[in-house]
């Protein structure tokens, strides 16, 4: 999928012999993607504070994964104010003892898997 993102200007995805979508990588991500993924690496003592902080900033954020020093959230793109989120994380970085963080958009592979899964669910009905 990384090659497709780098080389293709338009991508079509077929499932069960039917063309499900056609468009640019960004169009497919916006239309079929789940939003964003926020990953944070921080001091273990501050995990609870960081979870509460993210949920205050983005009430629709869902905690996906939690380990000793990392947390990951799924954040829907509807109603998300990216500049405000970045500003809030940066201004609280030292308070929450965040070592590093990343905010990434849904990958093309995740879009493909979601469309294939929808097709499988439709066939089971």
PDB file of N, CA and C in Angstrom:
ATOM      1  N   UNK A   1       0.806  -1.200   0.000  1.00  0.00           N
ATOM      2  CA  UNK A   1       0.000   0.000   0.000  1.00  0.00           C
ATOM      3  C   UNK A   1       0.856   1.273   0.000  1.00  0.00           C
ATOM      4  N   UNK A   2       2.012   1.198   0.619  1.00  0.00           N
ATOM      5  CA  UNK A   2       2.878   2.378   0.640  1.00  0.00           C
ATOM      6  C   UNK A   2       3.293   2.773  -0.768  1.00  0.00           C
ATOM      7  N   UNK A   3       3.510   1.773  -1.628  1.00  0.00           N
ATOM      8  CA  UNK A   3       3.878   2.060  -3.010  1.00  0.00           C
ATOM      9  C   UNK A   3       2.740   2.777  -3.722  1.00  0.00           C
ATOM     10  N   UNK A   4       1.510   2.365  -3.454  1.00  0.00           N
ATOM     11  CA  UNK A   4       0.352   3.020  -4.069  1.00  0.00           C
ATOM     12  C   UNK A   4       0.275   4.480  -3.649  1.00  0.00           C
ATOM     13  N   UNK A   5       0.473   4.731  -2.363  1.00  0.00           N
ATOM     14  CA  UNK A   5       0.417   6.110  -1.886  1.00  0.00           C
ATOM     15  C   UNK A   5       1.492   6.965  -2.539  1.00  0.00           C
ATOM     16  N   UNK A   6       2.663   6.384  -2.778  1.00  0.00           N
ATOM     17  CA  UNK A   6       3.778   7.141  -3.339  1.00  0.00           C
ATOM     18  C   UNK A   6       3.674   7.330  -4.846  1.00  0.00           C
ATOM     19  N   UNK A   7       3.143   6.326  -5.560  1.00  0.00           N
ATOM     20  CA  UNK A   7       3.211   6.346  -7.021  1.00  0.00           C
ATOM     21  C   UNK A   7       1.910   6.675  -7.739  1.00  0.00           C
ATOM     22  N   UNK A   8       0.780   6.427  -7.116  1.00  0.00           N
ATOM     23  CA  UNK A   8      -0.502   6.556  -7.821  1.00  0.00           C
ATOM     24  C   UNK A   8      -1.161   7.902  -7.570  1.00  0.00           C
ATOM     25  N   UNK A   9      -1.807   8.420  -8.619  1.00  0.00           N
ATOM     26  CA  UNK A   9      -2.583   9.641  -8.448  1.00  0.00           C
ATOM     27  C   UNK A   9      -4.047   9.320  -8.187  1.00  0.00           C
ATOM     28  N   UNK A  10      -4.508   8.181  -8.681  1.00  0.00           N
ATOM     29  CA  UNK A  10      -5.877   7.708  -8.415  1.00  0.00           C
ATOM     30  C   UNK A  10      -5.809   6.223  -8.102  1.00  0.00           C
ATOM     31  N   UNK A  11      -6.659   5.815  -7.175  1.00  0.00           N
ATOM     32  CA  UNK A  11      -6.676   4.424  -6.748  1.00  0.00           C
ATOM     33  C   UNK A  11      -8.116   3.928  -6.770  1.00  0.00           C
ATOM     34  N   UNK A  12      -8.292   2.718  -7.268  1.00  0.00           N
ATOM     35  CA  UNK A  12      -9.588   2.054  -7.230  1.00  0.00           C
ATOM     36  C   UNK A  12      -9.491   0.833  -6.337  1.00  0.00           C
ATOM     37  N   UNK A  13     -10.523   0.606  -5.544  1.00  0.00           N
ATOM     38  CA  UNK A  13     -10.560  -0.568  -4.667  1.00  0.00           C
ATOM     39  C   UNK A  13     -11.771  -1.401  -5.055  1.00  0.00           C
ATOM     40  N   UNK A  14     -11.500  -2.679  -5.350  1.00  0.00           N
ATOM     41  CA  UNK A  14     -12.564  -3.617  -5.726  1.00  0.00           C
ATOM     42  C   UNK A  14     -12.709  -4.670  -4.632  1.00  0.00           C
ATOM     43  N   UNK A  15     -13.941  -5.030  -4.349  1.00  0.00           N
ATOM     44  CA  UNK A  15     -14.218  -6.151  -3.460  1.00  0.00           C
ATOM     45  C   UNK A  15     -15.313  -6.985  -4.096  1.00  0.00           C
ATOM     46  N   UNK A  16     -15.134  -8.293  -4.086  1.00  0.00           N
ATOM     47  CA  UNK A  16     -16.089  -9.245  -4.654  1.00  0.00           C
ATOM     48  C   UNK A  16     -16.421  -8.900  -6.110  1.00  0.00           C
ATOM     49  N   UNK A  17     -15.417  -8.442  -6.869  1.00  0.00           N
ATOM     50  CA  UNK A  17     -15.612  -8.154  -8.277  1.00  0.00           C
ATOM     51  C   UNK A  17     -16.329  -6.857  -8.584  1.00  0.00           C
ATOM     52  N   UNK A  18     -16.569  -6.038  -7.578  1.00  0.00           N
ATOM     53  CA  UNK A  18     -17.253  -4.752  -7.773  1.00  0.00           C
ATOM     54  C   UNK A  18     -16.326  -3.614  -7.380  1.00  0.00           C
ATOM     55  N   UNK A  19     -16.342  -2.562  -8.182  1.00  0.00           N
ATOM     56  CA  UNK A  19     -15.566  -1.363  -7.867  1.00  0.00           C
ATOM     57  C   UNK A  19     -16.273  -0.651  -6.716  1.00  0.00           C
ATOM     58  N   UNK A  20     -15.594  -0.555  -5.596  1.00  0.00           N
ATOM     59  CA  UNK A  20     -16.189   0.063  -4.408  1.00  0.00           C
ATOM     60  C   UNK A  20     -15.906   1.552  -4.332  1.00  0.00           C
ATOM     61  N   UNK A  21     -14.711   1.965  -4.806  1.00  0.00           N
ATOM     62  CA  UNK A  21     -14.381   3.381  -4.746  1.00  0.00           C
ATOM     63  C   UNK A  21     -13.242   3.680  -5.715  1.00  0.00           C
ATOM     64  N   UNK A  22     -13.176   4.934  -6.100  1.00  0.00           N
ATOM     65  CA  UNK A  22     -12.143   5.407  -7.004  1.00  0.00           C
ATOM     66  C   UNK A  22     -11.852   6.856  -6.652  1.00  0.00           C
ATOM     67  N   UNK A  23     -10.589   7.183  -6.464  1.00  0.00           N
ATOM     68  CA  UNK A  23     -10.245   8.559  -6.146  1.00  0.00           C
ATOM     69  C   UNK A  23      -8.788   8.697  -5.754  1.00  0.00           C
ATOM     70  N   UNK A  24      -8.425   9.903  -5.364  1.00  0.00           N
ATOM     71  CA  UNK A  24      -7.067  10.148  -4.903  1.00  0.00           C
ATOM     72  C   UNK A  24      -6.890   9.525  -3.517  1.00  0.00           C
ATOM     73  N   UNK A  25      -5.656   9.370  -3.120  1.00  0.00           N
ATOM     74  CA  UNK A  25      -5.372   8.790  -1.806  1.00  0.00           C
ATOM     75  C   UNK A  25      -6.047   9.618  -0.711  1.00  0.00           C
ATOM     76  N   UNK A  26      -5.907  10.939  -0.791  1.00  0.00           N
ATOM     77  CA  UNK A  26      -6.494  11.802   0.234  1.00  0.00           C
ATOM     78  C   UNK A  26      -8.014  11.715   0.241  1.00  0.00           C
ATOM     79  N   UNK A  27      -8.633  11.631  -0.945  1.00  0.00           N
ATOM     80  CA  UNK A  27     -10.086  11.483  -1.025  1.00  0.00           C
ATOM     81  C   UNK A  27     -10.546  10.195  -0.336  1.00  0.00           C
ATOM     82  N   UNK A  28      -9.861   9.094  -0.608  1.00  0.00           N
ATOM     83  CA  UNK A  28     -10.233   7.811  -0.007  1.00  0.00           C
ATOM     84  C   UNK A  28     -10.058   7.834   1.506  1.00  0.00           C
ATOM     85  N   UNK A  29      -8.987   8.454   1.971  1.00  0.00           N
ATOM     86  CA  UNK A  29      -8.759   8.547   3.412  1.00  0.00           C
ATOM     87  C   UNK A  29      -9.837   9.395   4.083  1.00  0.00           C
ATOM     88  N   UNK A  30     -10.199  10.511   3.448  1.00  0.00           N
ATOM     89  CA  UNK A  30     -11.222  11.387   4.019  1.00  0.00           C
ATOM     90  C   UNK A  30     -12.596  10.717   4.023  1.00  0.00           C
ATOM     91  N   UNK A  31     -12.908  10.022   2.950  1.00  0.00           N
ATOM     92  CA  UNK A  31     -14.244   9.439   2.802  1.00  0.00           C
ATOM     93  C   UNK A  31     -14.427   8.157   3.599  1.00  0.00           C
ATOM     94  N   UNK A  32     -13.429   7.285   3.593  1.00  0.00           N
ATOM     95  CA  UNK A  32     -13.586   5.965   4.192  1.00  0.00           C
ATOM     96  C   UNK A  32     -12.721   5.749   5.435  1.00  0.00           C
ATOM     97  N   UNK A  33     -11.863   6.690   5.743  1.00  0.00           N
ATOM     98  CA  UNK A  33     -10.968   6.536   6.883  1.00  0.00           C
ATOM     99  C   UNK A  33     -11.680   6.757   8.210  1.00  0.00           C
ATOM    100  N   UNK A  34     -11.043   6.290   9.265  1.00  0.00           N
ATOM    101  CA  UNK A  34     -11.625   6.389  10.597  1.00  0.00           C
ATOM    102  C   UNK A  34     -11.214   7.673  11.315  1.00  0.00           C
ATOM    103  N   UNK A  35     -10.398   8.504  10.695  1.00  0.00           N
ATOM    104  CA  UNK A  35      -9.961   9.735  11.335  1.00  0.00           C
ATOM    105  C   UNK A  35      -8.474   9.732  11.590  1.00  0.00           C
ATOM    106  N   UNK A  36      -8.103   9.929  12.847  1.00  0.00           N
ATOM    107  CA  UNK A  36      -6.704  10.067  13.219  1.00  0.00           C
ATOM    108  C   UNK A  36      -6.341   9.110  14.347  1.00  0.00           C
ATOM    109  N   UNK A  37      -5.052   8.876  14.481  1.00  0.00           N
ATOM    110  CA  UNK A  37      -4.521   8.059  15.566  1.00  0.00           C
ATOM    111  C   UNK A  37      -3.509   8.905  16.327  1.00  0.00           C
ATOM    112  N   UNK A  38      -3.719   9.074  17.622  1.00  0.00           N
ATOM    113  CA  UNK A  38      -2.811   9.832  18.478  1.00  0.00           C
ATOM    114  C   UNK A  38      -2.057   8.835  19.360  1.00  0.00           C
ATOM    115  N   UNK A  39      -0.745   8.823  19.234  1.00  0.00           N
ATOM    116  CA  UNK A  39       0.123   7.958  20.041  1.00  0.00           C
ATOM    117  C   UNK A  39       0.995   8.841  20.920  1.00  0.00           C
ATOM    118  N   UNK A  40       1.112   8.468  22.182  1.00  0.00           N
ATOM    119  CA  UNK A  40       1.948   9.225  23.117  1.00  0.00           C
ATOM    120  C   UNK A  40       2.847   8.274  23.894  1.00  0.00           C
ATOM    121  N   UNK A  41       4.086   8.698  24.074  1.00  0.00           N
ATOM    122  CA  UNK A  41       5.015   7.983  24.953  1.00  0.00           C
ATOM    123  C   UNK A  41       5.334   8.935  26.087  1.00  0.00           C
ATOM    124  N   UNK A  42       5.104   8.495  27.318  1.00  0.00           N
ATOM    125  CA  UNK A  42       5.277   9.363  28.457  1.00  0.00           C
ATOM    126  C   UNK A  42       5.690   8.567  29.689  1.00  0.00           C
ATOM    127  N   UNK A  43       5.915   9.271  30.765  1.00  0.00           N
ATOM    128  CA  UNK A  43       6.300   8.631  32.018  1.00  0.00           C
ATOM    129  C   UNK A  43       5.119   7.825  32.561  1.00  0.00           C
ATOM    130  N   UNK A  44       5.364   6.595  33.011  1.00  0.00           N
ATOM    131  CA  UNK A  44       4.271   5.732  33.472  1.00  0.00           C
ATOM    132  C   UNK A  44       3.407   6.348  34.570  1.00  0.00           C
ATOM    133  N   UNK A  45       3.979   7.164  35.406  1.00  0.00           N
ATOM    134  CA  UNK A  45       3.214   7.772  36.502  1.00  0.00           C
ATOM    135  C   UNK A  45       2.163   8.759  35.996  1.00  0.00           C
ATOM    136  N   UNK A  46       2.282   9.222  34.758  1.00  0.00           N
ATOM    137  CA  UNK A  46       1.371  10.243  34.230  1.00  0.00           C
ATOM    138  C   UNK A  46       0.349   9.693  33.237  1.00  0.00           C
ATOM    139  N   UNK A  47       0.249   8.377  33.099  1.00  0.00           N
ATOM    140  CA  UNK A  47      -0.674   7.797  32.122  1.00  0.00           C
ATOM    141  C   UNK A  47      -2.122   8.206  32.366  1.00  0.00           C
ATOM    142  N   UNK A  48      -2.576   8.095  33.592  1.00  0.00           N
ATOM    143  CA  UNK A  48      -3.966   8.441  33.906  1.00  0.00           C
ATOM    144  C   UNK A  48      -4.259   9.905  33.600  1.00  0.00           C
ATOM    145  N   UNK A  49      -3.322  10.784  33.957  1.00  0.00           N
ATOM    146  CA  UNK A  49      -3.493  12.212  33.680  1.00  0.00           C
ATOM    147  C   UNK A  49      -3.565  12.470  32.180  1.00  0.00           C
ATOM    148  N   UNK A  50      -2.728  11.765  31.410  1.00  0.00           N
ATOM    149  CA  UNK A  50      -2.717  11.945  29.954  1.00  0.00           C
ATOM    150  C   UNK A  50      -4.007  11.438  29.326  1.00  0.00           C
ATOM    151  N   UNK A  51      -4.520  10.318  29.803  1.00  0.00           N
ATOM    152  CA  UNK A  51      -5.792   9.790  29.278  1.00  0.00           C
ATOM    153  C   UNK A  51      -6.906  10.797  29.542  1.00  0.00           C
ATOM    154  N   UNK A  52      -6.974  11.314  30.750  1.00  0.00           N
ATOM    155  CA  UNK A  52      -7.998  12.309  31.094  1.00  0.00           C
ATOM    156  C   UNK A  52      -7.830  13.570  30.248  1.00  0.00           C
ATOM    157  N   UNK A  53      -6.591  13.994  30.042  1.00  0.00           N
ATOM    158  CA  UNK A  53      -6.313  15.185  29.239  1.00  0.00           C
ATOM    159  C   UNK A  53      -6.823  15.015  27.806  1.00  0.00           C
ATOM    160  N   UNK A  54      -6.494  13.893  27.173  1.00  0.00           N
ATOM    161  CA  UNK A  54      -6.927  13.654  25.784  1.00  0.00           C
ATOM    162  C   UNK A  54      -8.448  13.590  25.712  1.00  0.00           C
ATOM    163  N   UNK A  55      -9.081  12.965  26.676  1.00  0.00           N
ATOM    164  CA  UNK A  55     -10.537  12.855  26.647  1.00  0.00           C
ATOM    165  C   UNK A  55     -11.210  14.199  26.891  1.00  0.00           C
ATOM    166  N   UNK A  56     -10.553  15.105  27.621  1.00  0.00           N
ATOM    167  CA  UNK A  56     -11.083  16.464  27.767  1.00  0.00           C
ATOM    168  C   UNK A  56     -10.945  17.237  26.463  1.00  0.00           C
ATOM    169  N   UNK A  57      -9.798  17.078  25.798  1.00  0.00           N
ATOM    170  CA  UNK A  57      -9.552  17.799  24.550  1.00  0.00           C
ATOM    171  C   UNK A  57     -10.408  17.270  23.406  1.00  0.00           C
ATOM    172  N   UNK A  58     -10.592  15.958  23.352  1.00  0.00           N
ATOM    173  CA  UNK A  58     -11.356  15.295  22.285  1.00  0.00           C
ATOM    174  C   UNK A  58     -12.322  14.300  22.922  1.00  0.00           C
ATOM    175  N   UNK A  59     -13.512  14.736  23.279  1.00  0.00           N
ATOM    176  CA  UNK A  59     -14.459  13.836  23.959  1.00  0.00           C
ATOM    177  C   UNK A  59     -14.802  12.581  23.148  1.00  0.00           C
ATOM    178  N   UNK A  60     -14.632  12.624  21.835  1.00  0.00           N
ATOM    179  CA  UNK A  60     -14.955  11.462  21.005  1.00  0.00           C
ATOM    180  C   UNK A  60     -13.780  10.494  20.852  1.00  0.00           C
ATOM    181  N   UNK A  61     -12.634  10.819  21.453  1.00  0.00           N
ATOM    182  CA  UNK A  61     -11.451   9.953  21.354  1.00  0.00           C
ATOM    183  C   UNK A  61     -11.693   8.643  22.091  1.00  0.00           C
ATOM    184  N   UNK A  62     -11.244   7.556  21.469  1.00  0.00           N
ATOM    185  CA  UNK A  62     -11.366   6.237  22.092  1.00  0.00           C
ATOM    186  C   UNK A  62      -9.975   5.691  22.369  1.00  0.00           C
ATOM    187  N   UNK A  63      -9.763   5.222  23.580  1.00  0.00           N
ATOM    188  CA  UNK A  63      -8.482   4.628  23.952  1.00  0.00           C
ATOM    189  C   UNK A  63      -8.363   3.271  23.272  1.00  0.00           C
ATOM    190  N   UNK A  64      -7.340   3.115  22.432  1.00  0.00           N
ATOM    191  CA  UNK A  64      -7.134   1.872  21.690  1.00  0.00           C
ATOM    192  C   UNK A  64      -6.175   0.930  22.392  1.00  0.00           C
ATOM    193  N   UNK A  65      -5.102   1.493  22.929  1.00  0.00           N
ATOM    194  CA  UNK A  65      -4.043   0.665  23.478  1.00  0.00           C
ATOM    195  C   UNK A  65      -3.381   1.401  24.629  1.00  0.00           C
ATOM    196  N   UNK A  66      -2.997   0.623  25.631  1.00  0.00           N
ATOM    197  CA  UNK A  66      -2.326   1.207  26.787  1.00  0.00           C
ATOM    198  C   UNK A  66      -1.275   0.223  27.270  1.00  0.00           C
ATOM    199  N   UNK A  67      -0.038   0.674  27.320  1.00  0.00           N
ATOM    200  CA  UNK A  67       1.050  -0.147  27.841  1.00  0.00           C
ATOM    201  C   UNK A  67       1.711   0.620  28.983  1.00  0.00           C
ATOM    202  N   UNK A  68       2.856   0.138  29.429  1.00  0.00           N
ATOM    203  CA  UNK A  68       3.521   0.754  30.577  1.00  0.00           C
ATOM    204  C   UNK A  68       3.850   2.227  30.362  1.00  0.00           C
ATOM    205  N   UNK A  69       4.254   2.596  29.139  1.00  0.00           N
ATOM    206  CA  UNK A  69       4.643   3.992  28.900  1.00  0.00           C
ATOM    207  C   UNK A  69       4.049   4.571  27.618  1.00  0.00           C
ATOM    208  N   UNK A  70       3.048   3.908  27.042  1.00  0.00           N
ATOM    209  CA  UNK A  70       2.436   4.393  25.795  1.00  0.00           C
ATOM    210  C   UNK A  70       0.919   4.304  25.865  1.00  0.00           C
ATOM    211  N   UNK A  71       0.287   5.271  25.211  1.00  0.00           N
ATOM    212  CA  UNK A  71      -1.161   5.221  25.016  1.00  0.00           C
ATOM    213  C   UNK A  71      -1.461   5.586  23.568  1.00  0.00           C
ATOM    214  N   UNK A  72      -2.519   4.993  23.032  1.00  0.00           N
ATOM    215  CA  UNK A  72      -2.946   5.259  21.658  1.00  0.00           C
ATOM    216  C   UNK A  72      -4.445   5.512  21.649  1.00  0.00           C
ATOM    217  N   UNK A  73      -4.843   6.519  20.888  1.00  0.00           N
ATOM    218  CA  UNK A  73      -6.248   6.876  20.771  1.00  0.00           C
ATOM    219  C   UNK A  73      -6.666   6.911  19.311  1.00  0.00           C
ATOM    220  N   UNK A  74      -7.916   6.571  19.065  1.00  0.00           N
ATOM    221  CA  UNK A  74      -8.537   6.786  17.767  1.00  0.00           C
ATOM    222  C   UNK A  74      -9.406   8.026  17.913  1.00  0.00           C
ATOM    223  N   UNK A  75      -9.218   8.982  17.007  1.00  0.00           N
ATOM    224  CA  UNK A  75      -9.967  10.241  17.085  1.00  0.00           C
ATOM    225  C   UNK A  75     -10.694  10.463  15.768  1.00  0.00           C
ATOM    226  N   UNK A  76     -12.035  10.490  15.777  1.00  0.00           N
ATOM    227  CA  UNK A  76     -12.778  10.753  14.537  1.00  0.00           C
ATOM    228  C   UNK A  76     -12.460  12.146  14.015  1.00  0.00           C
ATOM    229  N   UNK A  77     -12.492  12.301  12.694  1.00  0.00           N
ATOM    230  CA  UNK A  77     -12.140  13.605  12.136  1.00  0.00           C
ATOM    231  C   UNK A  77     -13.277  14.612  12.222  1.00  0.00           C
ATOM    232  N   UNK A  78     -14.506  14.168  12.436  1.00  0.00           N
ATOM    233  CA  UNK A  78     -15.625  15.096  12.566  1.00  0.00           C
ATOM    234  C   UNK A  78     -15.479  15.906  13.857  1.00  0.00           C
ATOM    235  N   UNK A  79     -15.493  17.197  13.707  1.00  0.00           N
ATOM    236  CA  UNK A  79     -15.431  18.096  14.854  1.00  0.00           C
ATOM    237  C   UNK A  79     -14.052  18.216  15.487  1.00  0.00           C
ATOM    238  N   UNK A  80     -13.022  17.688  14.853  1.00  0.00           N
ATOM    239  CA  UNK A  80     -11.674  17.761  15.411  1.00  0.00           C
ATOM    240  C   UNK A  80     -11.001  19.046  14.965  1.00  0.00           C
ATOM    241  N   UNK A  81     -10.491  19.795  15.925  1.00  0.00           N
ATOM    242  CA  UNK A  81      -9.749  21.024  15.648  1.00  0.00           C
ATOM    243  C   UNK A  81      -8.260  20.704  15.826  1.00  0.00           C
ATOM    244  N   UNK A  82      -7.594  20.330  14.709  1.00  0.00           N
ATOM    245  CA  UNK A  82      -6.197  19.902  14.773  1.00  0.00           C
ATOM    246  C   UNK A  82      -5.267  20.957  15.368  1.00  0.00           C
ATOM    247  N   UNK A  83      -5.335  22.213  14.938  1.00  0.00           N
ATOM    248  CA  UNK A  83      -4.420  23.203  15.523  1.00  0.00           C
ATOM    249  C   UNK A  83      -4.603  23.338  17.043  1.00  0.00           C
ATOM    250  N   UNK A  84      -5.838  23.288  17.499  1.00  0.00           N
ATOM    251  CA  UNK A  84      -6.087  23.400  18.942  1.00  0.00           C
ATOM    252  C   UNK A  84      -5.548  22.183  19.689  1.00  0.00           C
ATOM    253  N   UNK A  85      -5.682  21.001  19.081  1.00  0.00           N
ATOM    254  CA  UNK A  85      -5.158  19.789  19.710  1.00  0.00           C
ATOM    255  C   UNK A  85      -3.632  19.852  19.812  1.00  0.00           C
ATOM    256  N   UNK A  86      -2.968  20.242  18.718  1.00  0.00           N
ATOM    257  CA  UNK A  86      -1.514  20.371  18.754  1.00  0.00           C
ATOM    258  C   UNK A  86      -1.082  21.405  19.794  1.00  0.00           C
ATOM    259  N   UNK A  87      -1.762  22.530  19.840  1.00  0.00           N
ATOM    260  CA  UNK A  87      -1.405  23.576  20.800  1.00  0.00           C
ATOM    261  C   UNK A  87      -1.582  23.084  22.237  1.00  0.00           C
ATOM    262  N   UNK A  88      -2.664  22.362  22.490  1.00  0.00           N
ATOM    263  CA  UNK A  88      -2.916  21.843  23.841  1.00  0.00           C
ATOM    264  C   UNK A  88      -1.865  20.819  24.247  1.00  0.00           C
ATOM    265  N   UNK A  89      -1.516  19.920  23.345  1.00  0.00           N
ATOM    266  CA  UNK A  89      -0.506  18.904  23.663  1.00  0.00           C
ATOM    267  C   UNK A  89       0.843  19.577  23.904  1.00  0.00           C
ATOM    268  N   UNK A  90       1.223  20.506  23.033  1.00  0.00           N
ATOM    269  CA  UNK A  90       2.508  21.188  23.198  1.00  0.00           C
ATOM    270  C   UNK A  90       2.567  21.984  24.502  1.00  0.00           C
ATOM    271  N   UNK A  91       1.485  22.671  24.855  1.00  0.00           N
ATOM    272  CA  UNK A  91       1.508  23.487  26.070  1.00  0.00           C
ATOM    273  C   UNK A  91       1.491  22.634  27.338  1.00  0.00           C
ATOM    274  N   UNK A  92       1.027  21.385  27.240  1.00  0.00           N
ATOM    275  CA  UNK A  92       0.990  20.501  28.406  1.00  0.00           C
ATOM    276  C   UNK A  92       2.039  19.405  28.350  1.00  0.00           C
ATOM    277  N   UNK A  93       2.940  19.501  27.411  1.00  0.00           N
ATOM    278  CA  UNK A  93       3.943  18.449  27.208  1.00  0.00           C
ATOM    279  C   UNK A  93       4.821  18.246  28.449  1.00  0.00           C
ATOM    280  N   UNK A  94       5.292  19.304  29.044  1.00  0.00           N
ATOM    281  CA  UNK A  94       6.154  19.155  30.227  1.00  0.00           C
ATOM    282  C   UNK A  94       5.332  18.766  31.456  1.00  0.00           C
ATOM    283  N   UNK A  95       4.134  19.308  31.590  1.00  0.00           N
ATOM    284  CA  UNK A  95       3.271  18.980  32.724  1.00  0.00           C
ATOM    285  C   UNK A  95       2.921  17.498  32.749  1.00  0.00           C
ATOM    286  N   UNK A  96       2.582  16.946  31.577  1.00  0.00           N
ATOM    287  CA  UNK A  96       2.207  15.536  31.474  1.00  0.00           C
ATOM    288  C   UNK A  96       3.408  14.623  31.279  1.00  0.00           C
ATOM    289  N   UNK A  97       4.600  15.211  31.172  1.00  0.00           N
ATOM    290  CA  UNK A  97       5.846  14.471  30.965  1.00  0.00           C
ATOM    291  C   UNK A  97       5.764  13.586  29.715  1.00  0.00           C
ATOM    292  N   UNK A  98       5.329  14.202  28.612  1.00  0.00           N
ATOM    293  CA  UNK A  98       5.233  13.498  27.333  1.00  0.00           C
ATOM    294  C   UNK A  98       6.611  13.516  26.681  1.00  0.00           C
ATOM    295  N   UNK A  99       7.158  12.326  26.452  1.00  0.00           N
ATOM    296  CA  UNK A  99       8.463  12.223  25.802  1.00  0.00           C
ATOM    297  C   UNK A  99       8.345  12.494  24.313  1.00  0.00           C
ATOM    298  N   UNK A 100       7.367  11.873  23.656  1.00  0.00           N
ATOM    299  CA  UNK A 100       7.075  12.170  22.255  1.00  0.00           C
ATOM    300  C   UNK A 100       5.653  11.743  21.938  1.00  0.00           C
ATOM    301  N   UNK A 101       5.151  12.268  20.832  1.00  0.00           N
ATOM    302  CA  UNK A 101       3.796  11.948  20.410  1.00  0.00           C
ATOM    303  C   UNK A 101       3.712  12.059  18.895  1.00  0.00           C
ATOM    304  N   UNK A 102       2.702  11.417  18.343  1.00  0.00           N
ATOM    305  CA  UNK A 102       2.454  11.544  16.909  1.00  0.00           C
ATOM    306  C   UNK A 102       0.949  11.520  16.675  1.00  0.00           C
ATOM    307  N   UNK A 103       0.539  12.253  15.684  1.00  0.00           N
ATOM    308  CA  UNK A 103      -0.855  12.272  15.259  1.00  0.00           C
ATOM    309  C   UNK A 103      -0.850  11.961  13.775  1.00  0.00           C
ATOM    310  N   UNK A 104      -1.441  10.842  13.397  1.00  0.00           N
ATOM    311  CA  UNK A 104      -1.401  10.424  12.000  1.00  0.00           C
ATOM    312  C   UNK A 104      -2.811  10.135  11.490  1.00  0.00           C
ATOM    313  N   UNK A 105      -2.949  10.313  10.192  1.00  0.00           N
ATOM    314  CA  UNK A 105      -4.219  10.042   9.538  1.00  0.00           C
ATOM    315  C   UNK A 105      -4.331   8.545   9.266  1.00  0.00           C
ATOM    316  N   UNK A 106      -5.553   8.072   9.085  1.00  0.00           N
ATOM    317  CA  UNK A 106      -5.785   6.683   8.724  1.00  0.00           C
ATOM    318  C   UNK A 106      -4.933   6.326   7.508  1.00  0.00           C
ATOM    319  N   UNK A 107      -4.339   5.144   7.520  1.00  0.00           N
ATOM    320  CA  UNK A 107      -3.514   4.721   6.386  1.00  0.00           C
ATOM    321  C   UNK A 107      -4.396   4.149   5.279  1.00  0.00           C
ATOM    322  N   UNK A 108      -3.841   4.096   4.089  1.00  0.00           N
ATOM    323  CA  UNK A 108      -4.552   3.505   2.961  1.00  0.00           C
ATOM    324  C   UNK A 108      -4.842   2.034   3.219  1.00  0.00           C
ATOM    325  N   UNK A 109      -3.942   1.363   3.885  1.00  0.00           N
ATOM    326  CA  UNK A 109      -4.160  -0.043   4.217  1.00  0.00           C
ATOM    327  C   UNK A 109      -5.370  -0.202   5.142  1.00  0.00           C
ATOM    328  N   UNK A 110      -5.530   0.679   6.112  1.00  0.00           N
ATOM    329  CA  UNK A 110      -6.685   0.624   7.009  1.00  0.00           C
ATOM    330  C   UNK A 110      -7.982   0.880   6.243  1.00  0.00           C
ATOM    331  N   UNK A 111      -7.944   1.779   5.251  1.00  0.00           N
ATOM    332  CA  UNK A 111      -9.114   2.028   4.410  1.00  0.00           C
ATOM    333  C   UNK A 111      -9.467   0.764   3.631  1.00  0.00           C
ATOM    334  N   UNK A 112      -8.473   0.120   3.031  1.00  0.00           N
ATOM    335  CA  UNK A 112      -8.692  -1.102   2.266  1.00  0.00           C
ATOM    336  C   UNK A 112      -9.289  -2.196   3.146  1.00  0.00           C
ATOM    337  N   UNK A 113      -8.737  -2.395   4.321  1.00  0.00           N
ATOM    338  CA  UNK A 113      -9.236  -3.429   5.238  1.00  0.00           C
ATOM    339  C   UNK A 113     -10.672  -3.116   5.664  1.00  0.00           C
ATOM    340  N   UNK A 114     -10.976  -1.865   5.934  1.00  0.00           N
ATOM    341  CA  UNK A 114     -12.333  -1.493   6.338  1.00  0.00           C
ATOM    342  C   UNK A 114     -13.339  -1.777   5.222  1.00  0.00           C
ATOM    343  N   UNK A 115     -12.982  -1.457   3.978  1.00  0.00           N
ATOM    344  CA  UNK A 115     -13.885  -1.728   2.861  1.00  0.00           C
ATOM    345  C   UNK A 115     -14.066  -3.230   2.647  1.00  0.00           C
ATOM    346  N   UNK A 116     -12.993  -3.995   2.770  1.00  0.00           N
ATOM    347  CA  UNK A 116     -13.093  -5.447   2.629  1.00  0.00           C
ATOM    348  C   UNK A 116     -13.949  -6.035   3.744  1.00  0.00           C
ATOM    349  N   UNK A 117     -13.812  -5.511   4.932  1.00  0.00           N
ATOM    350  CA  UNK A 117     -14.610  -5.993   6.063  1.00  0.00           C
ATOM    351  C   UNK A 117     -16.085  -5.669   5.869  1.00  0.00           C
ATOM    352  N   UNK A 118     -16.401  -4.474   5.363  1.00  0.00           N
ATOM    353  CA  UNK A 118     -17.791  -4.116   5.067  1.00  0.00           C
ATOM    354  C   UNK A 118     -18.385  -5.085   4.063  1.00  0.00           C
ATOM    355  N   UNK A 119     -17.610  -5.427   3.046  1.00  0.00           N
ATOM    356  CA  UNK A 119     -18.079  -6.350   2.023  1.00  0.00           C
ATOM    357  C   UNK A 119     -18.357  -7.731   2.625  1.00  0.00           C
ATOM    358  N   UNK A 120     -17.473  -8.192   3.489  1.00  0.00           N
ATOM    359  CA  UNK A 120     -17.653  -9.489   4.133  1.00  0.00           C
ATOM    360  C   UNK A 120     -18.914  -9.496   4.983  1.00  0.00           C
ATOM    361  N   UNK A 121     -19.149  -8.419   5.720  1.00  0.00           N
ATOM    362  CA  UNK A 121     -20.353  -8.318   6.557  1.00  0.00           C
ATOM    363  C   UNK A 121     -21.607  -8.304   5.702  1.00  0.00           C
ATOM    364  N   UNK A 122     -21.562  -7.630   4.550  1.00  0.00           N
ATOM    365  CA  UNK A 122     -22.730  -7.599   3.657  1.00  0.00           C
ATOM    366  C   UNK A 122     -23.021  -8.971   3.072  1.00  0.00           C
ATOM    367  N   UNK A 123     -21.984  -9.729   2.776  1.00  0.00           N
ATOM    368  CA  UNK A 123     -22.176 -11.064   2.215  1.00  0.00           C
ATOM    369  C   UNK A 123     -22.753 -12.035   3.239  1.00  0.00           C
ATOM    370  N   UNK A 124     -22.473 -11.806   4.516  1.00  0.00           N
ATOM    371  CA  UNK A 124     -22.980 -12.690   5.558  1.00  0.00           C
ATOM    372  C   UNK A 124     -24.462 -12.456   5.864  1.00  0.00           C
ATOM    373  N   UNK A 125     -24.982 -11.348   5.428  1.00  0.00           N
ATOM    374  CA  UNK A 125     -26.402 -11.024   5.703  1.00  0.00           C
ATOM    375  C   UNK A 125     -27.327 -11.767   4.806  1.00  0.00           C
TER     376      UNK A 125
END
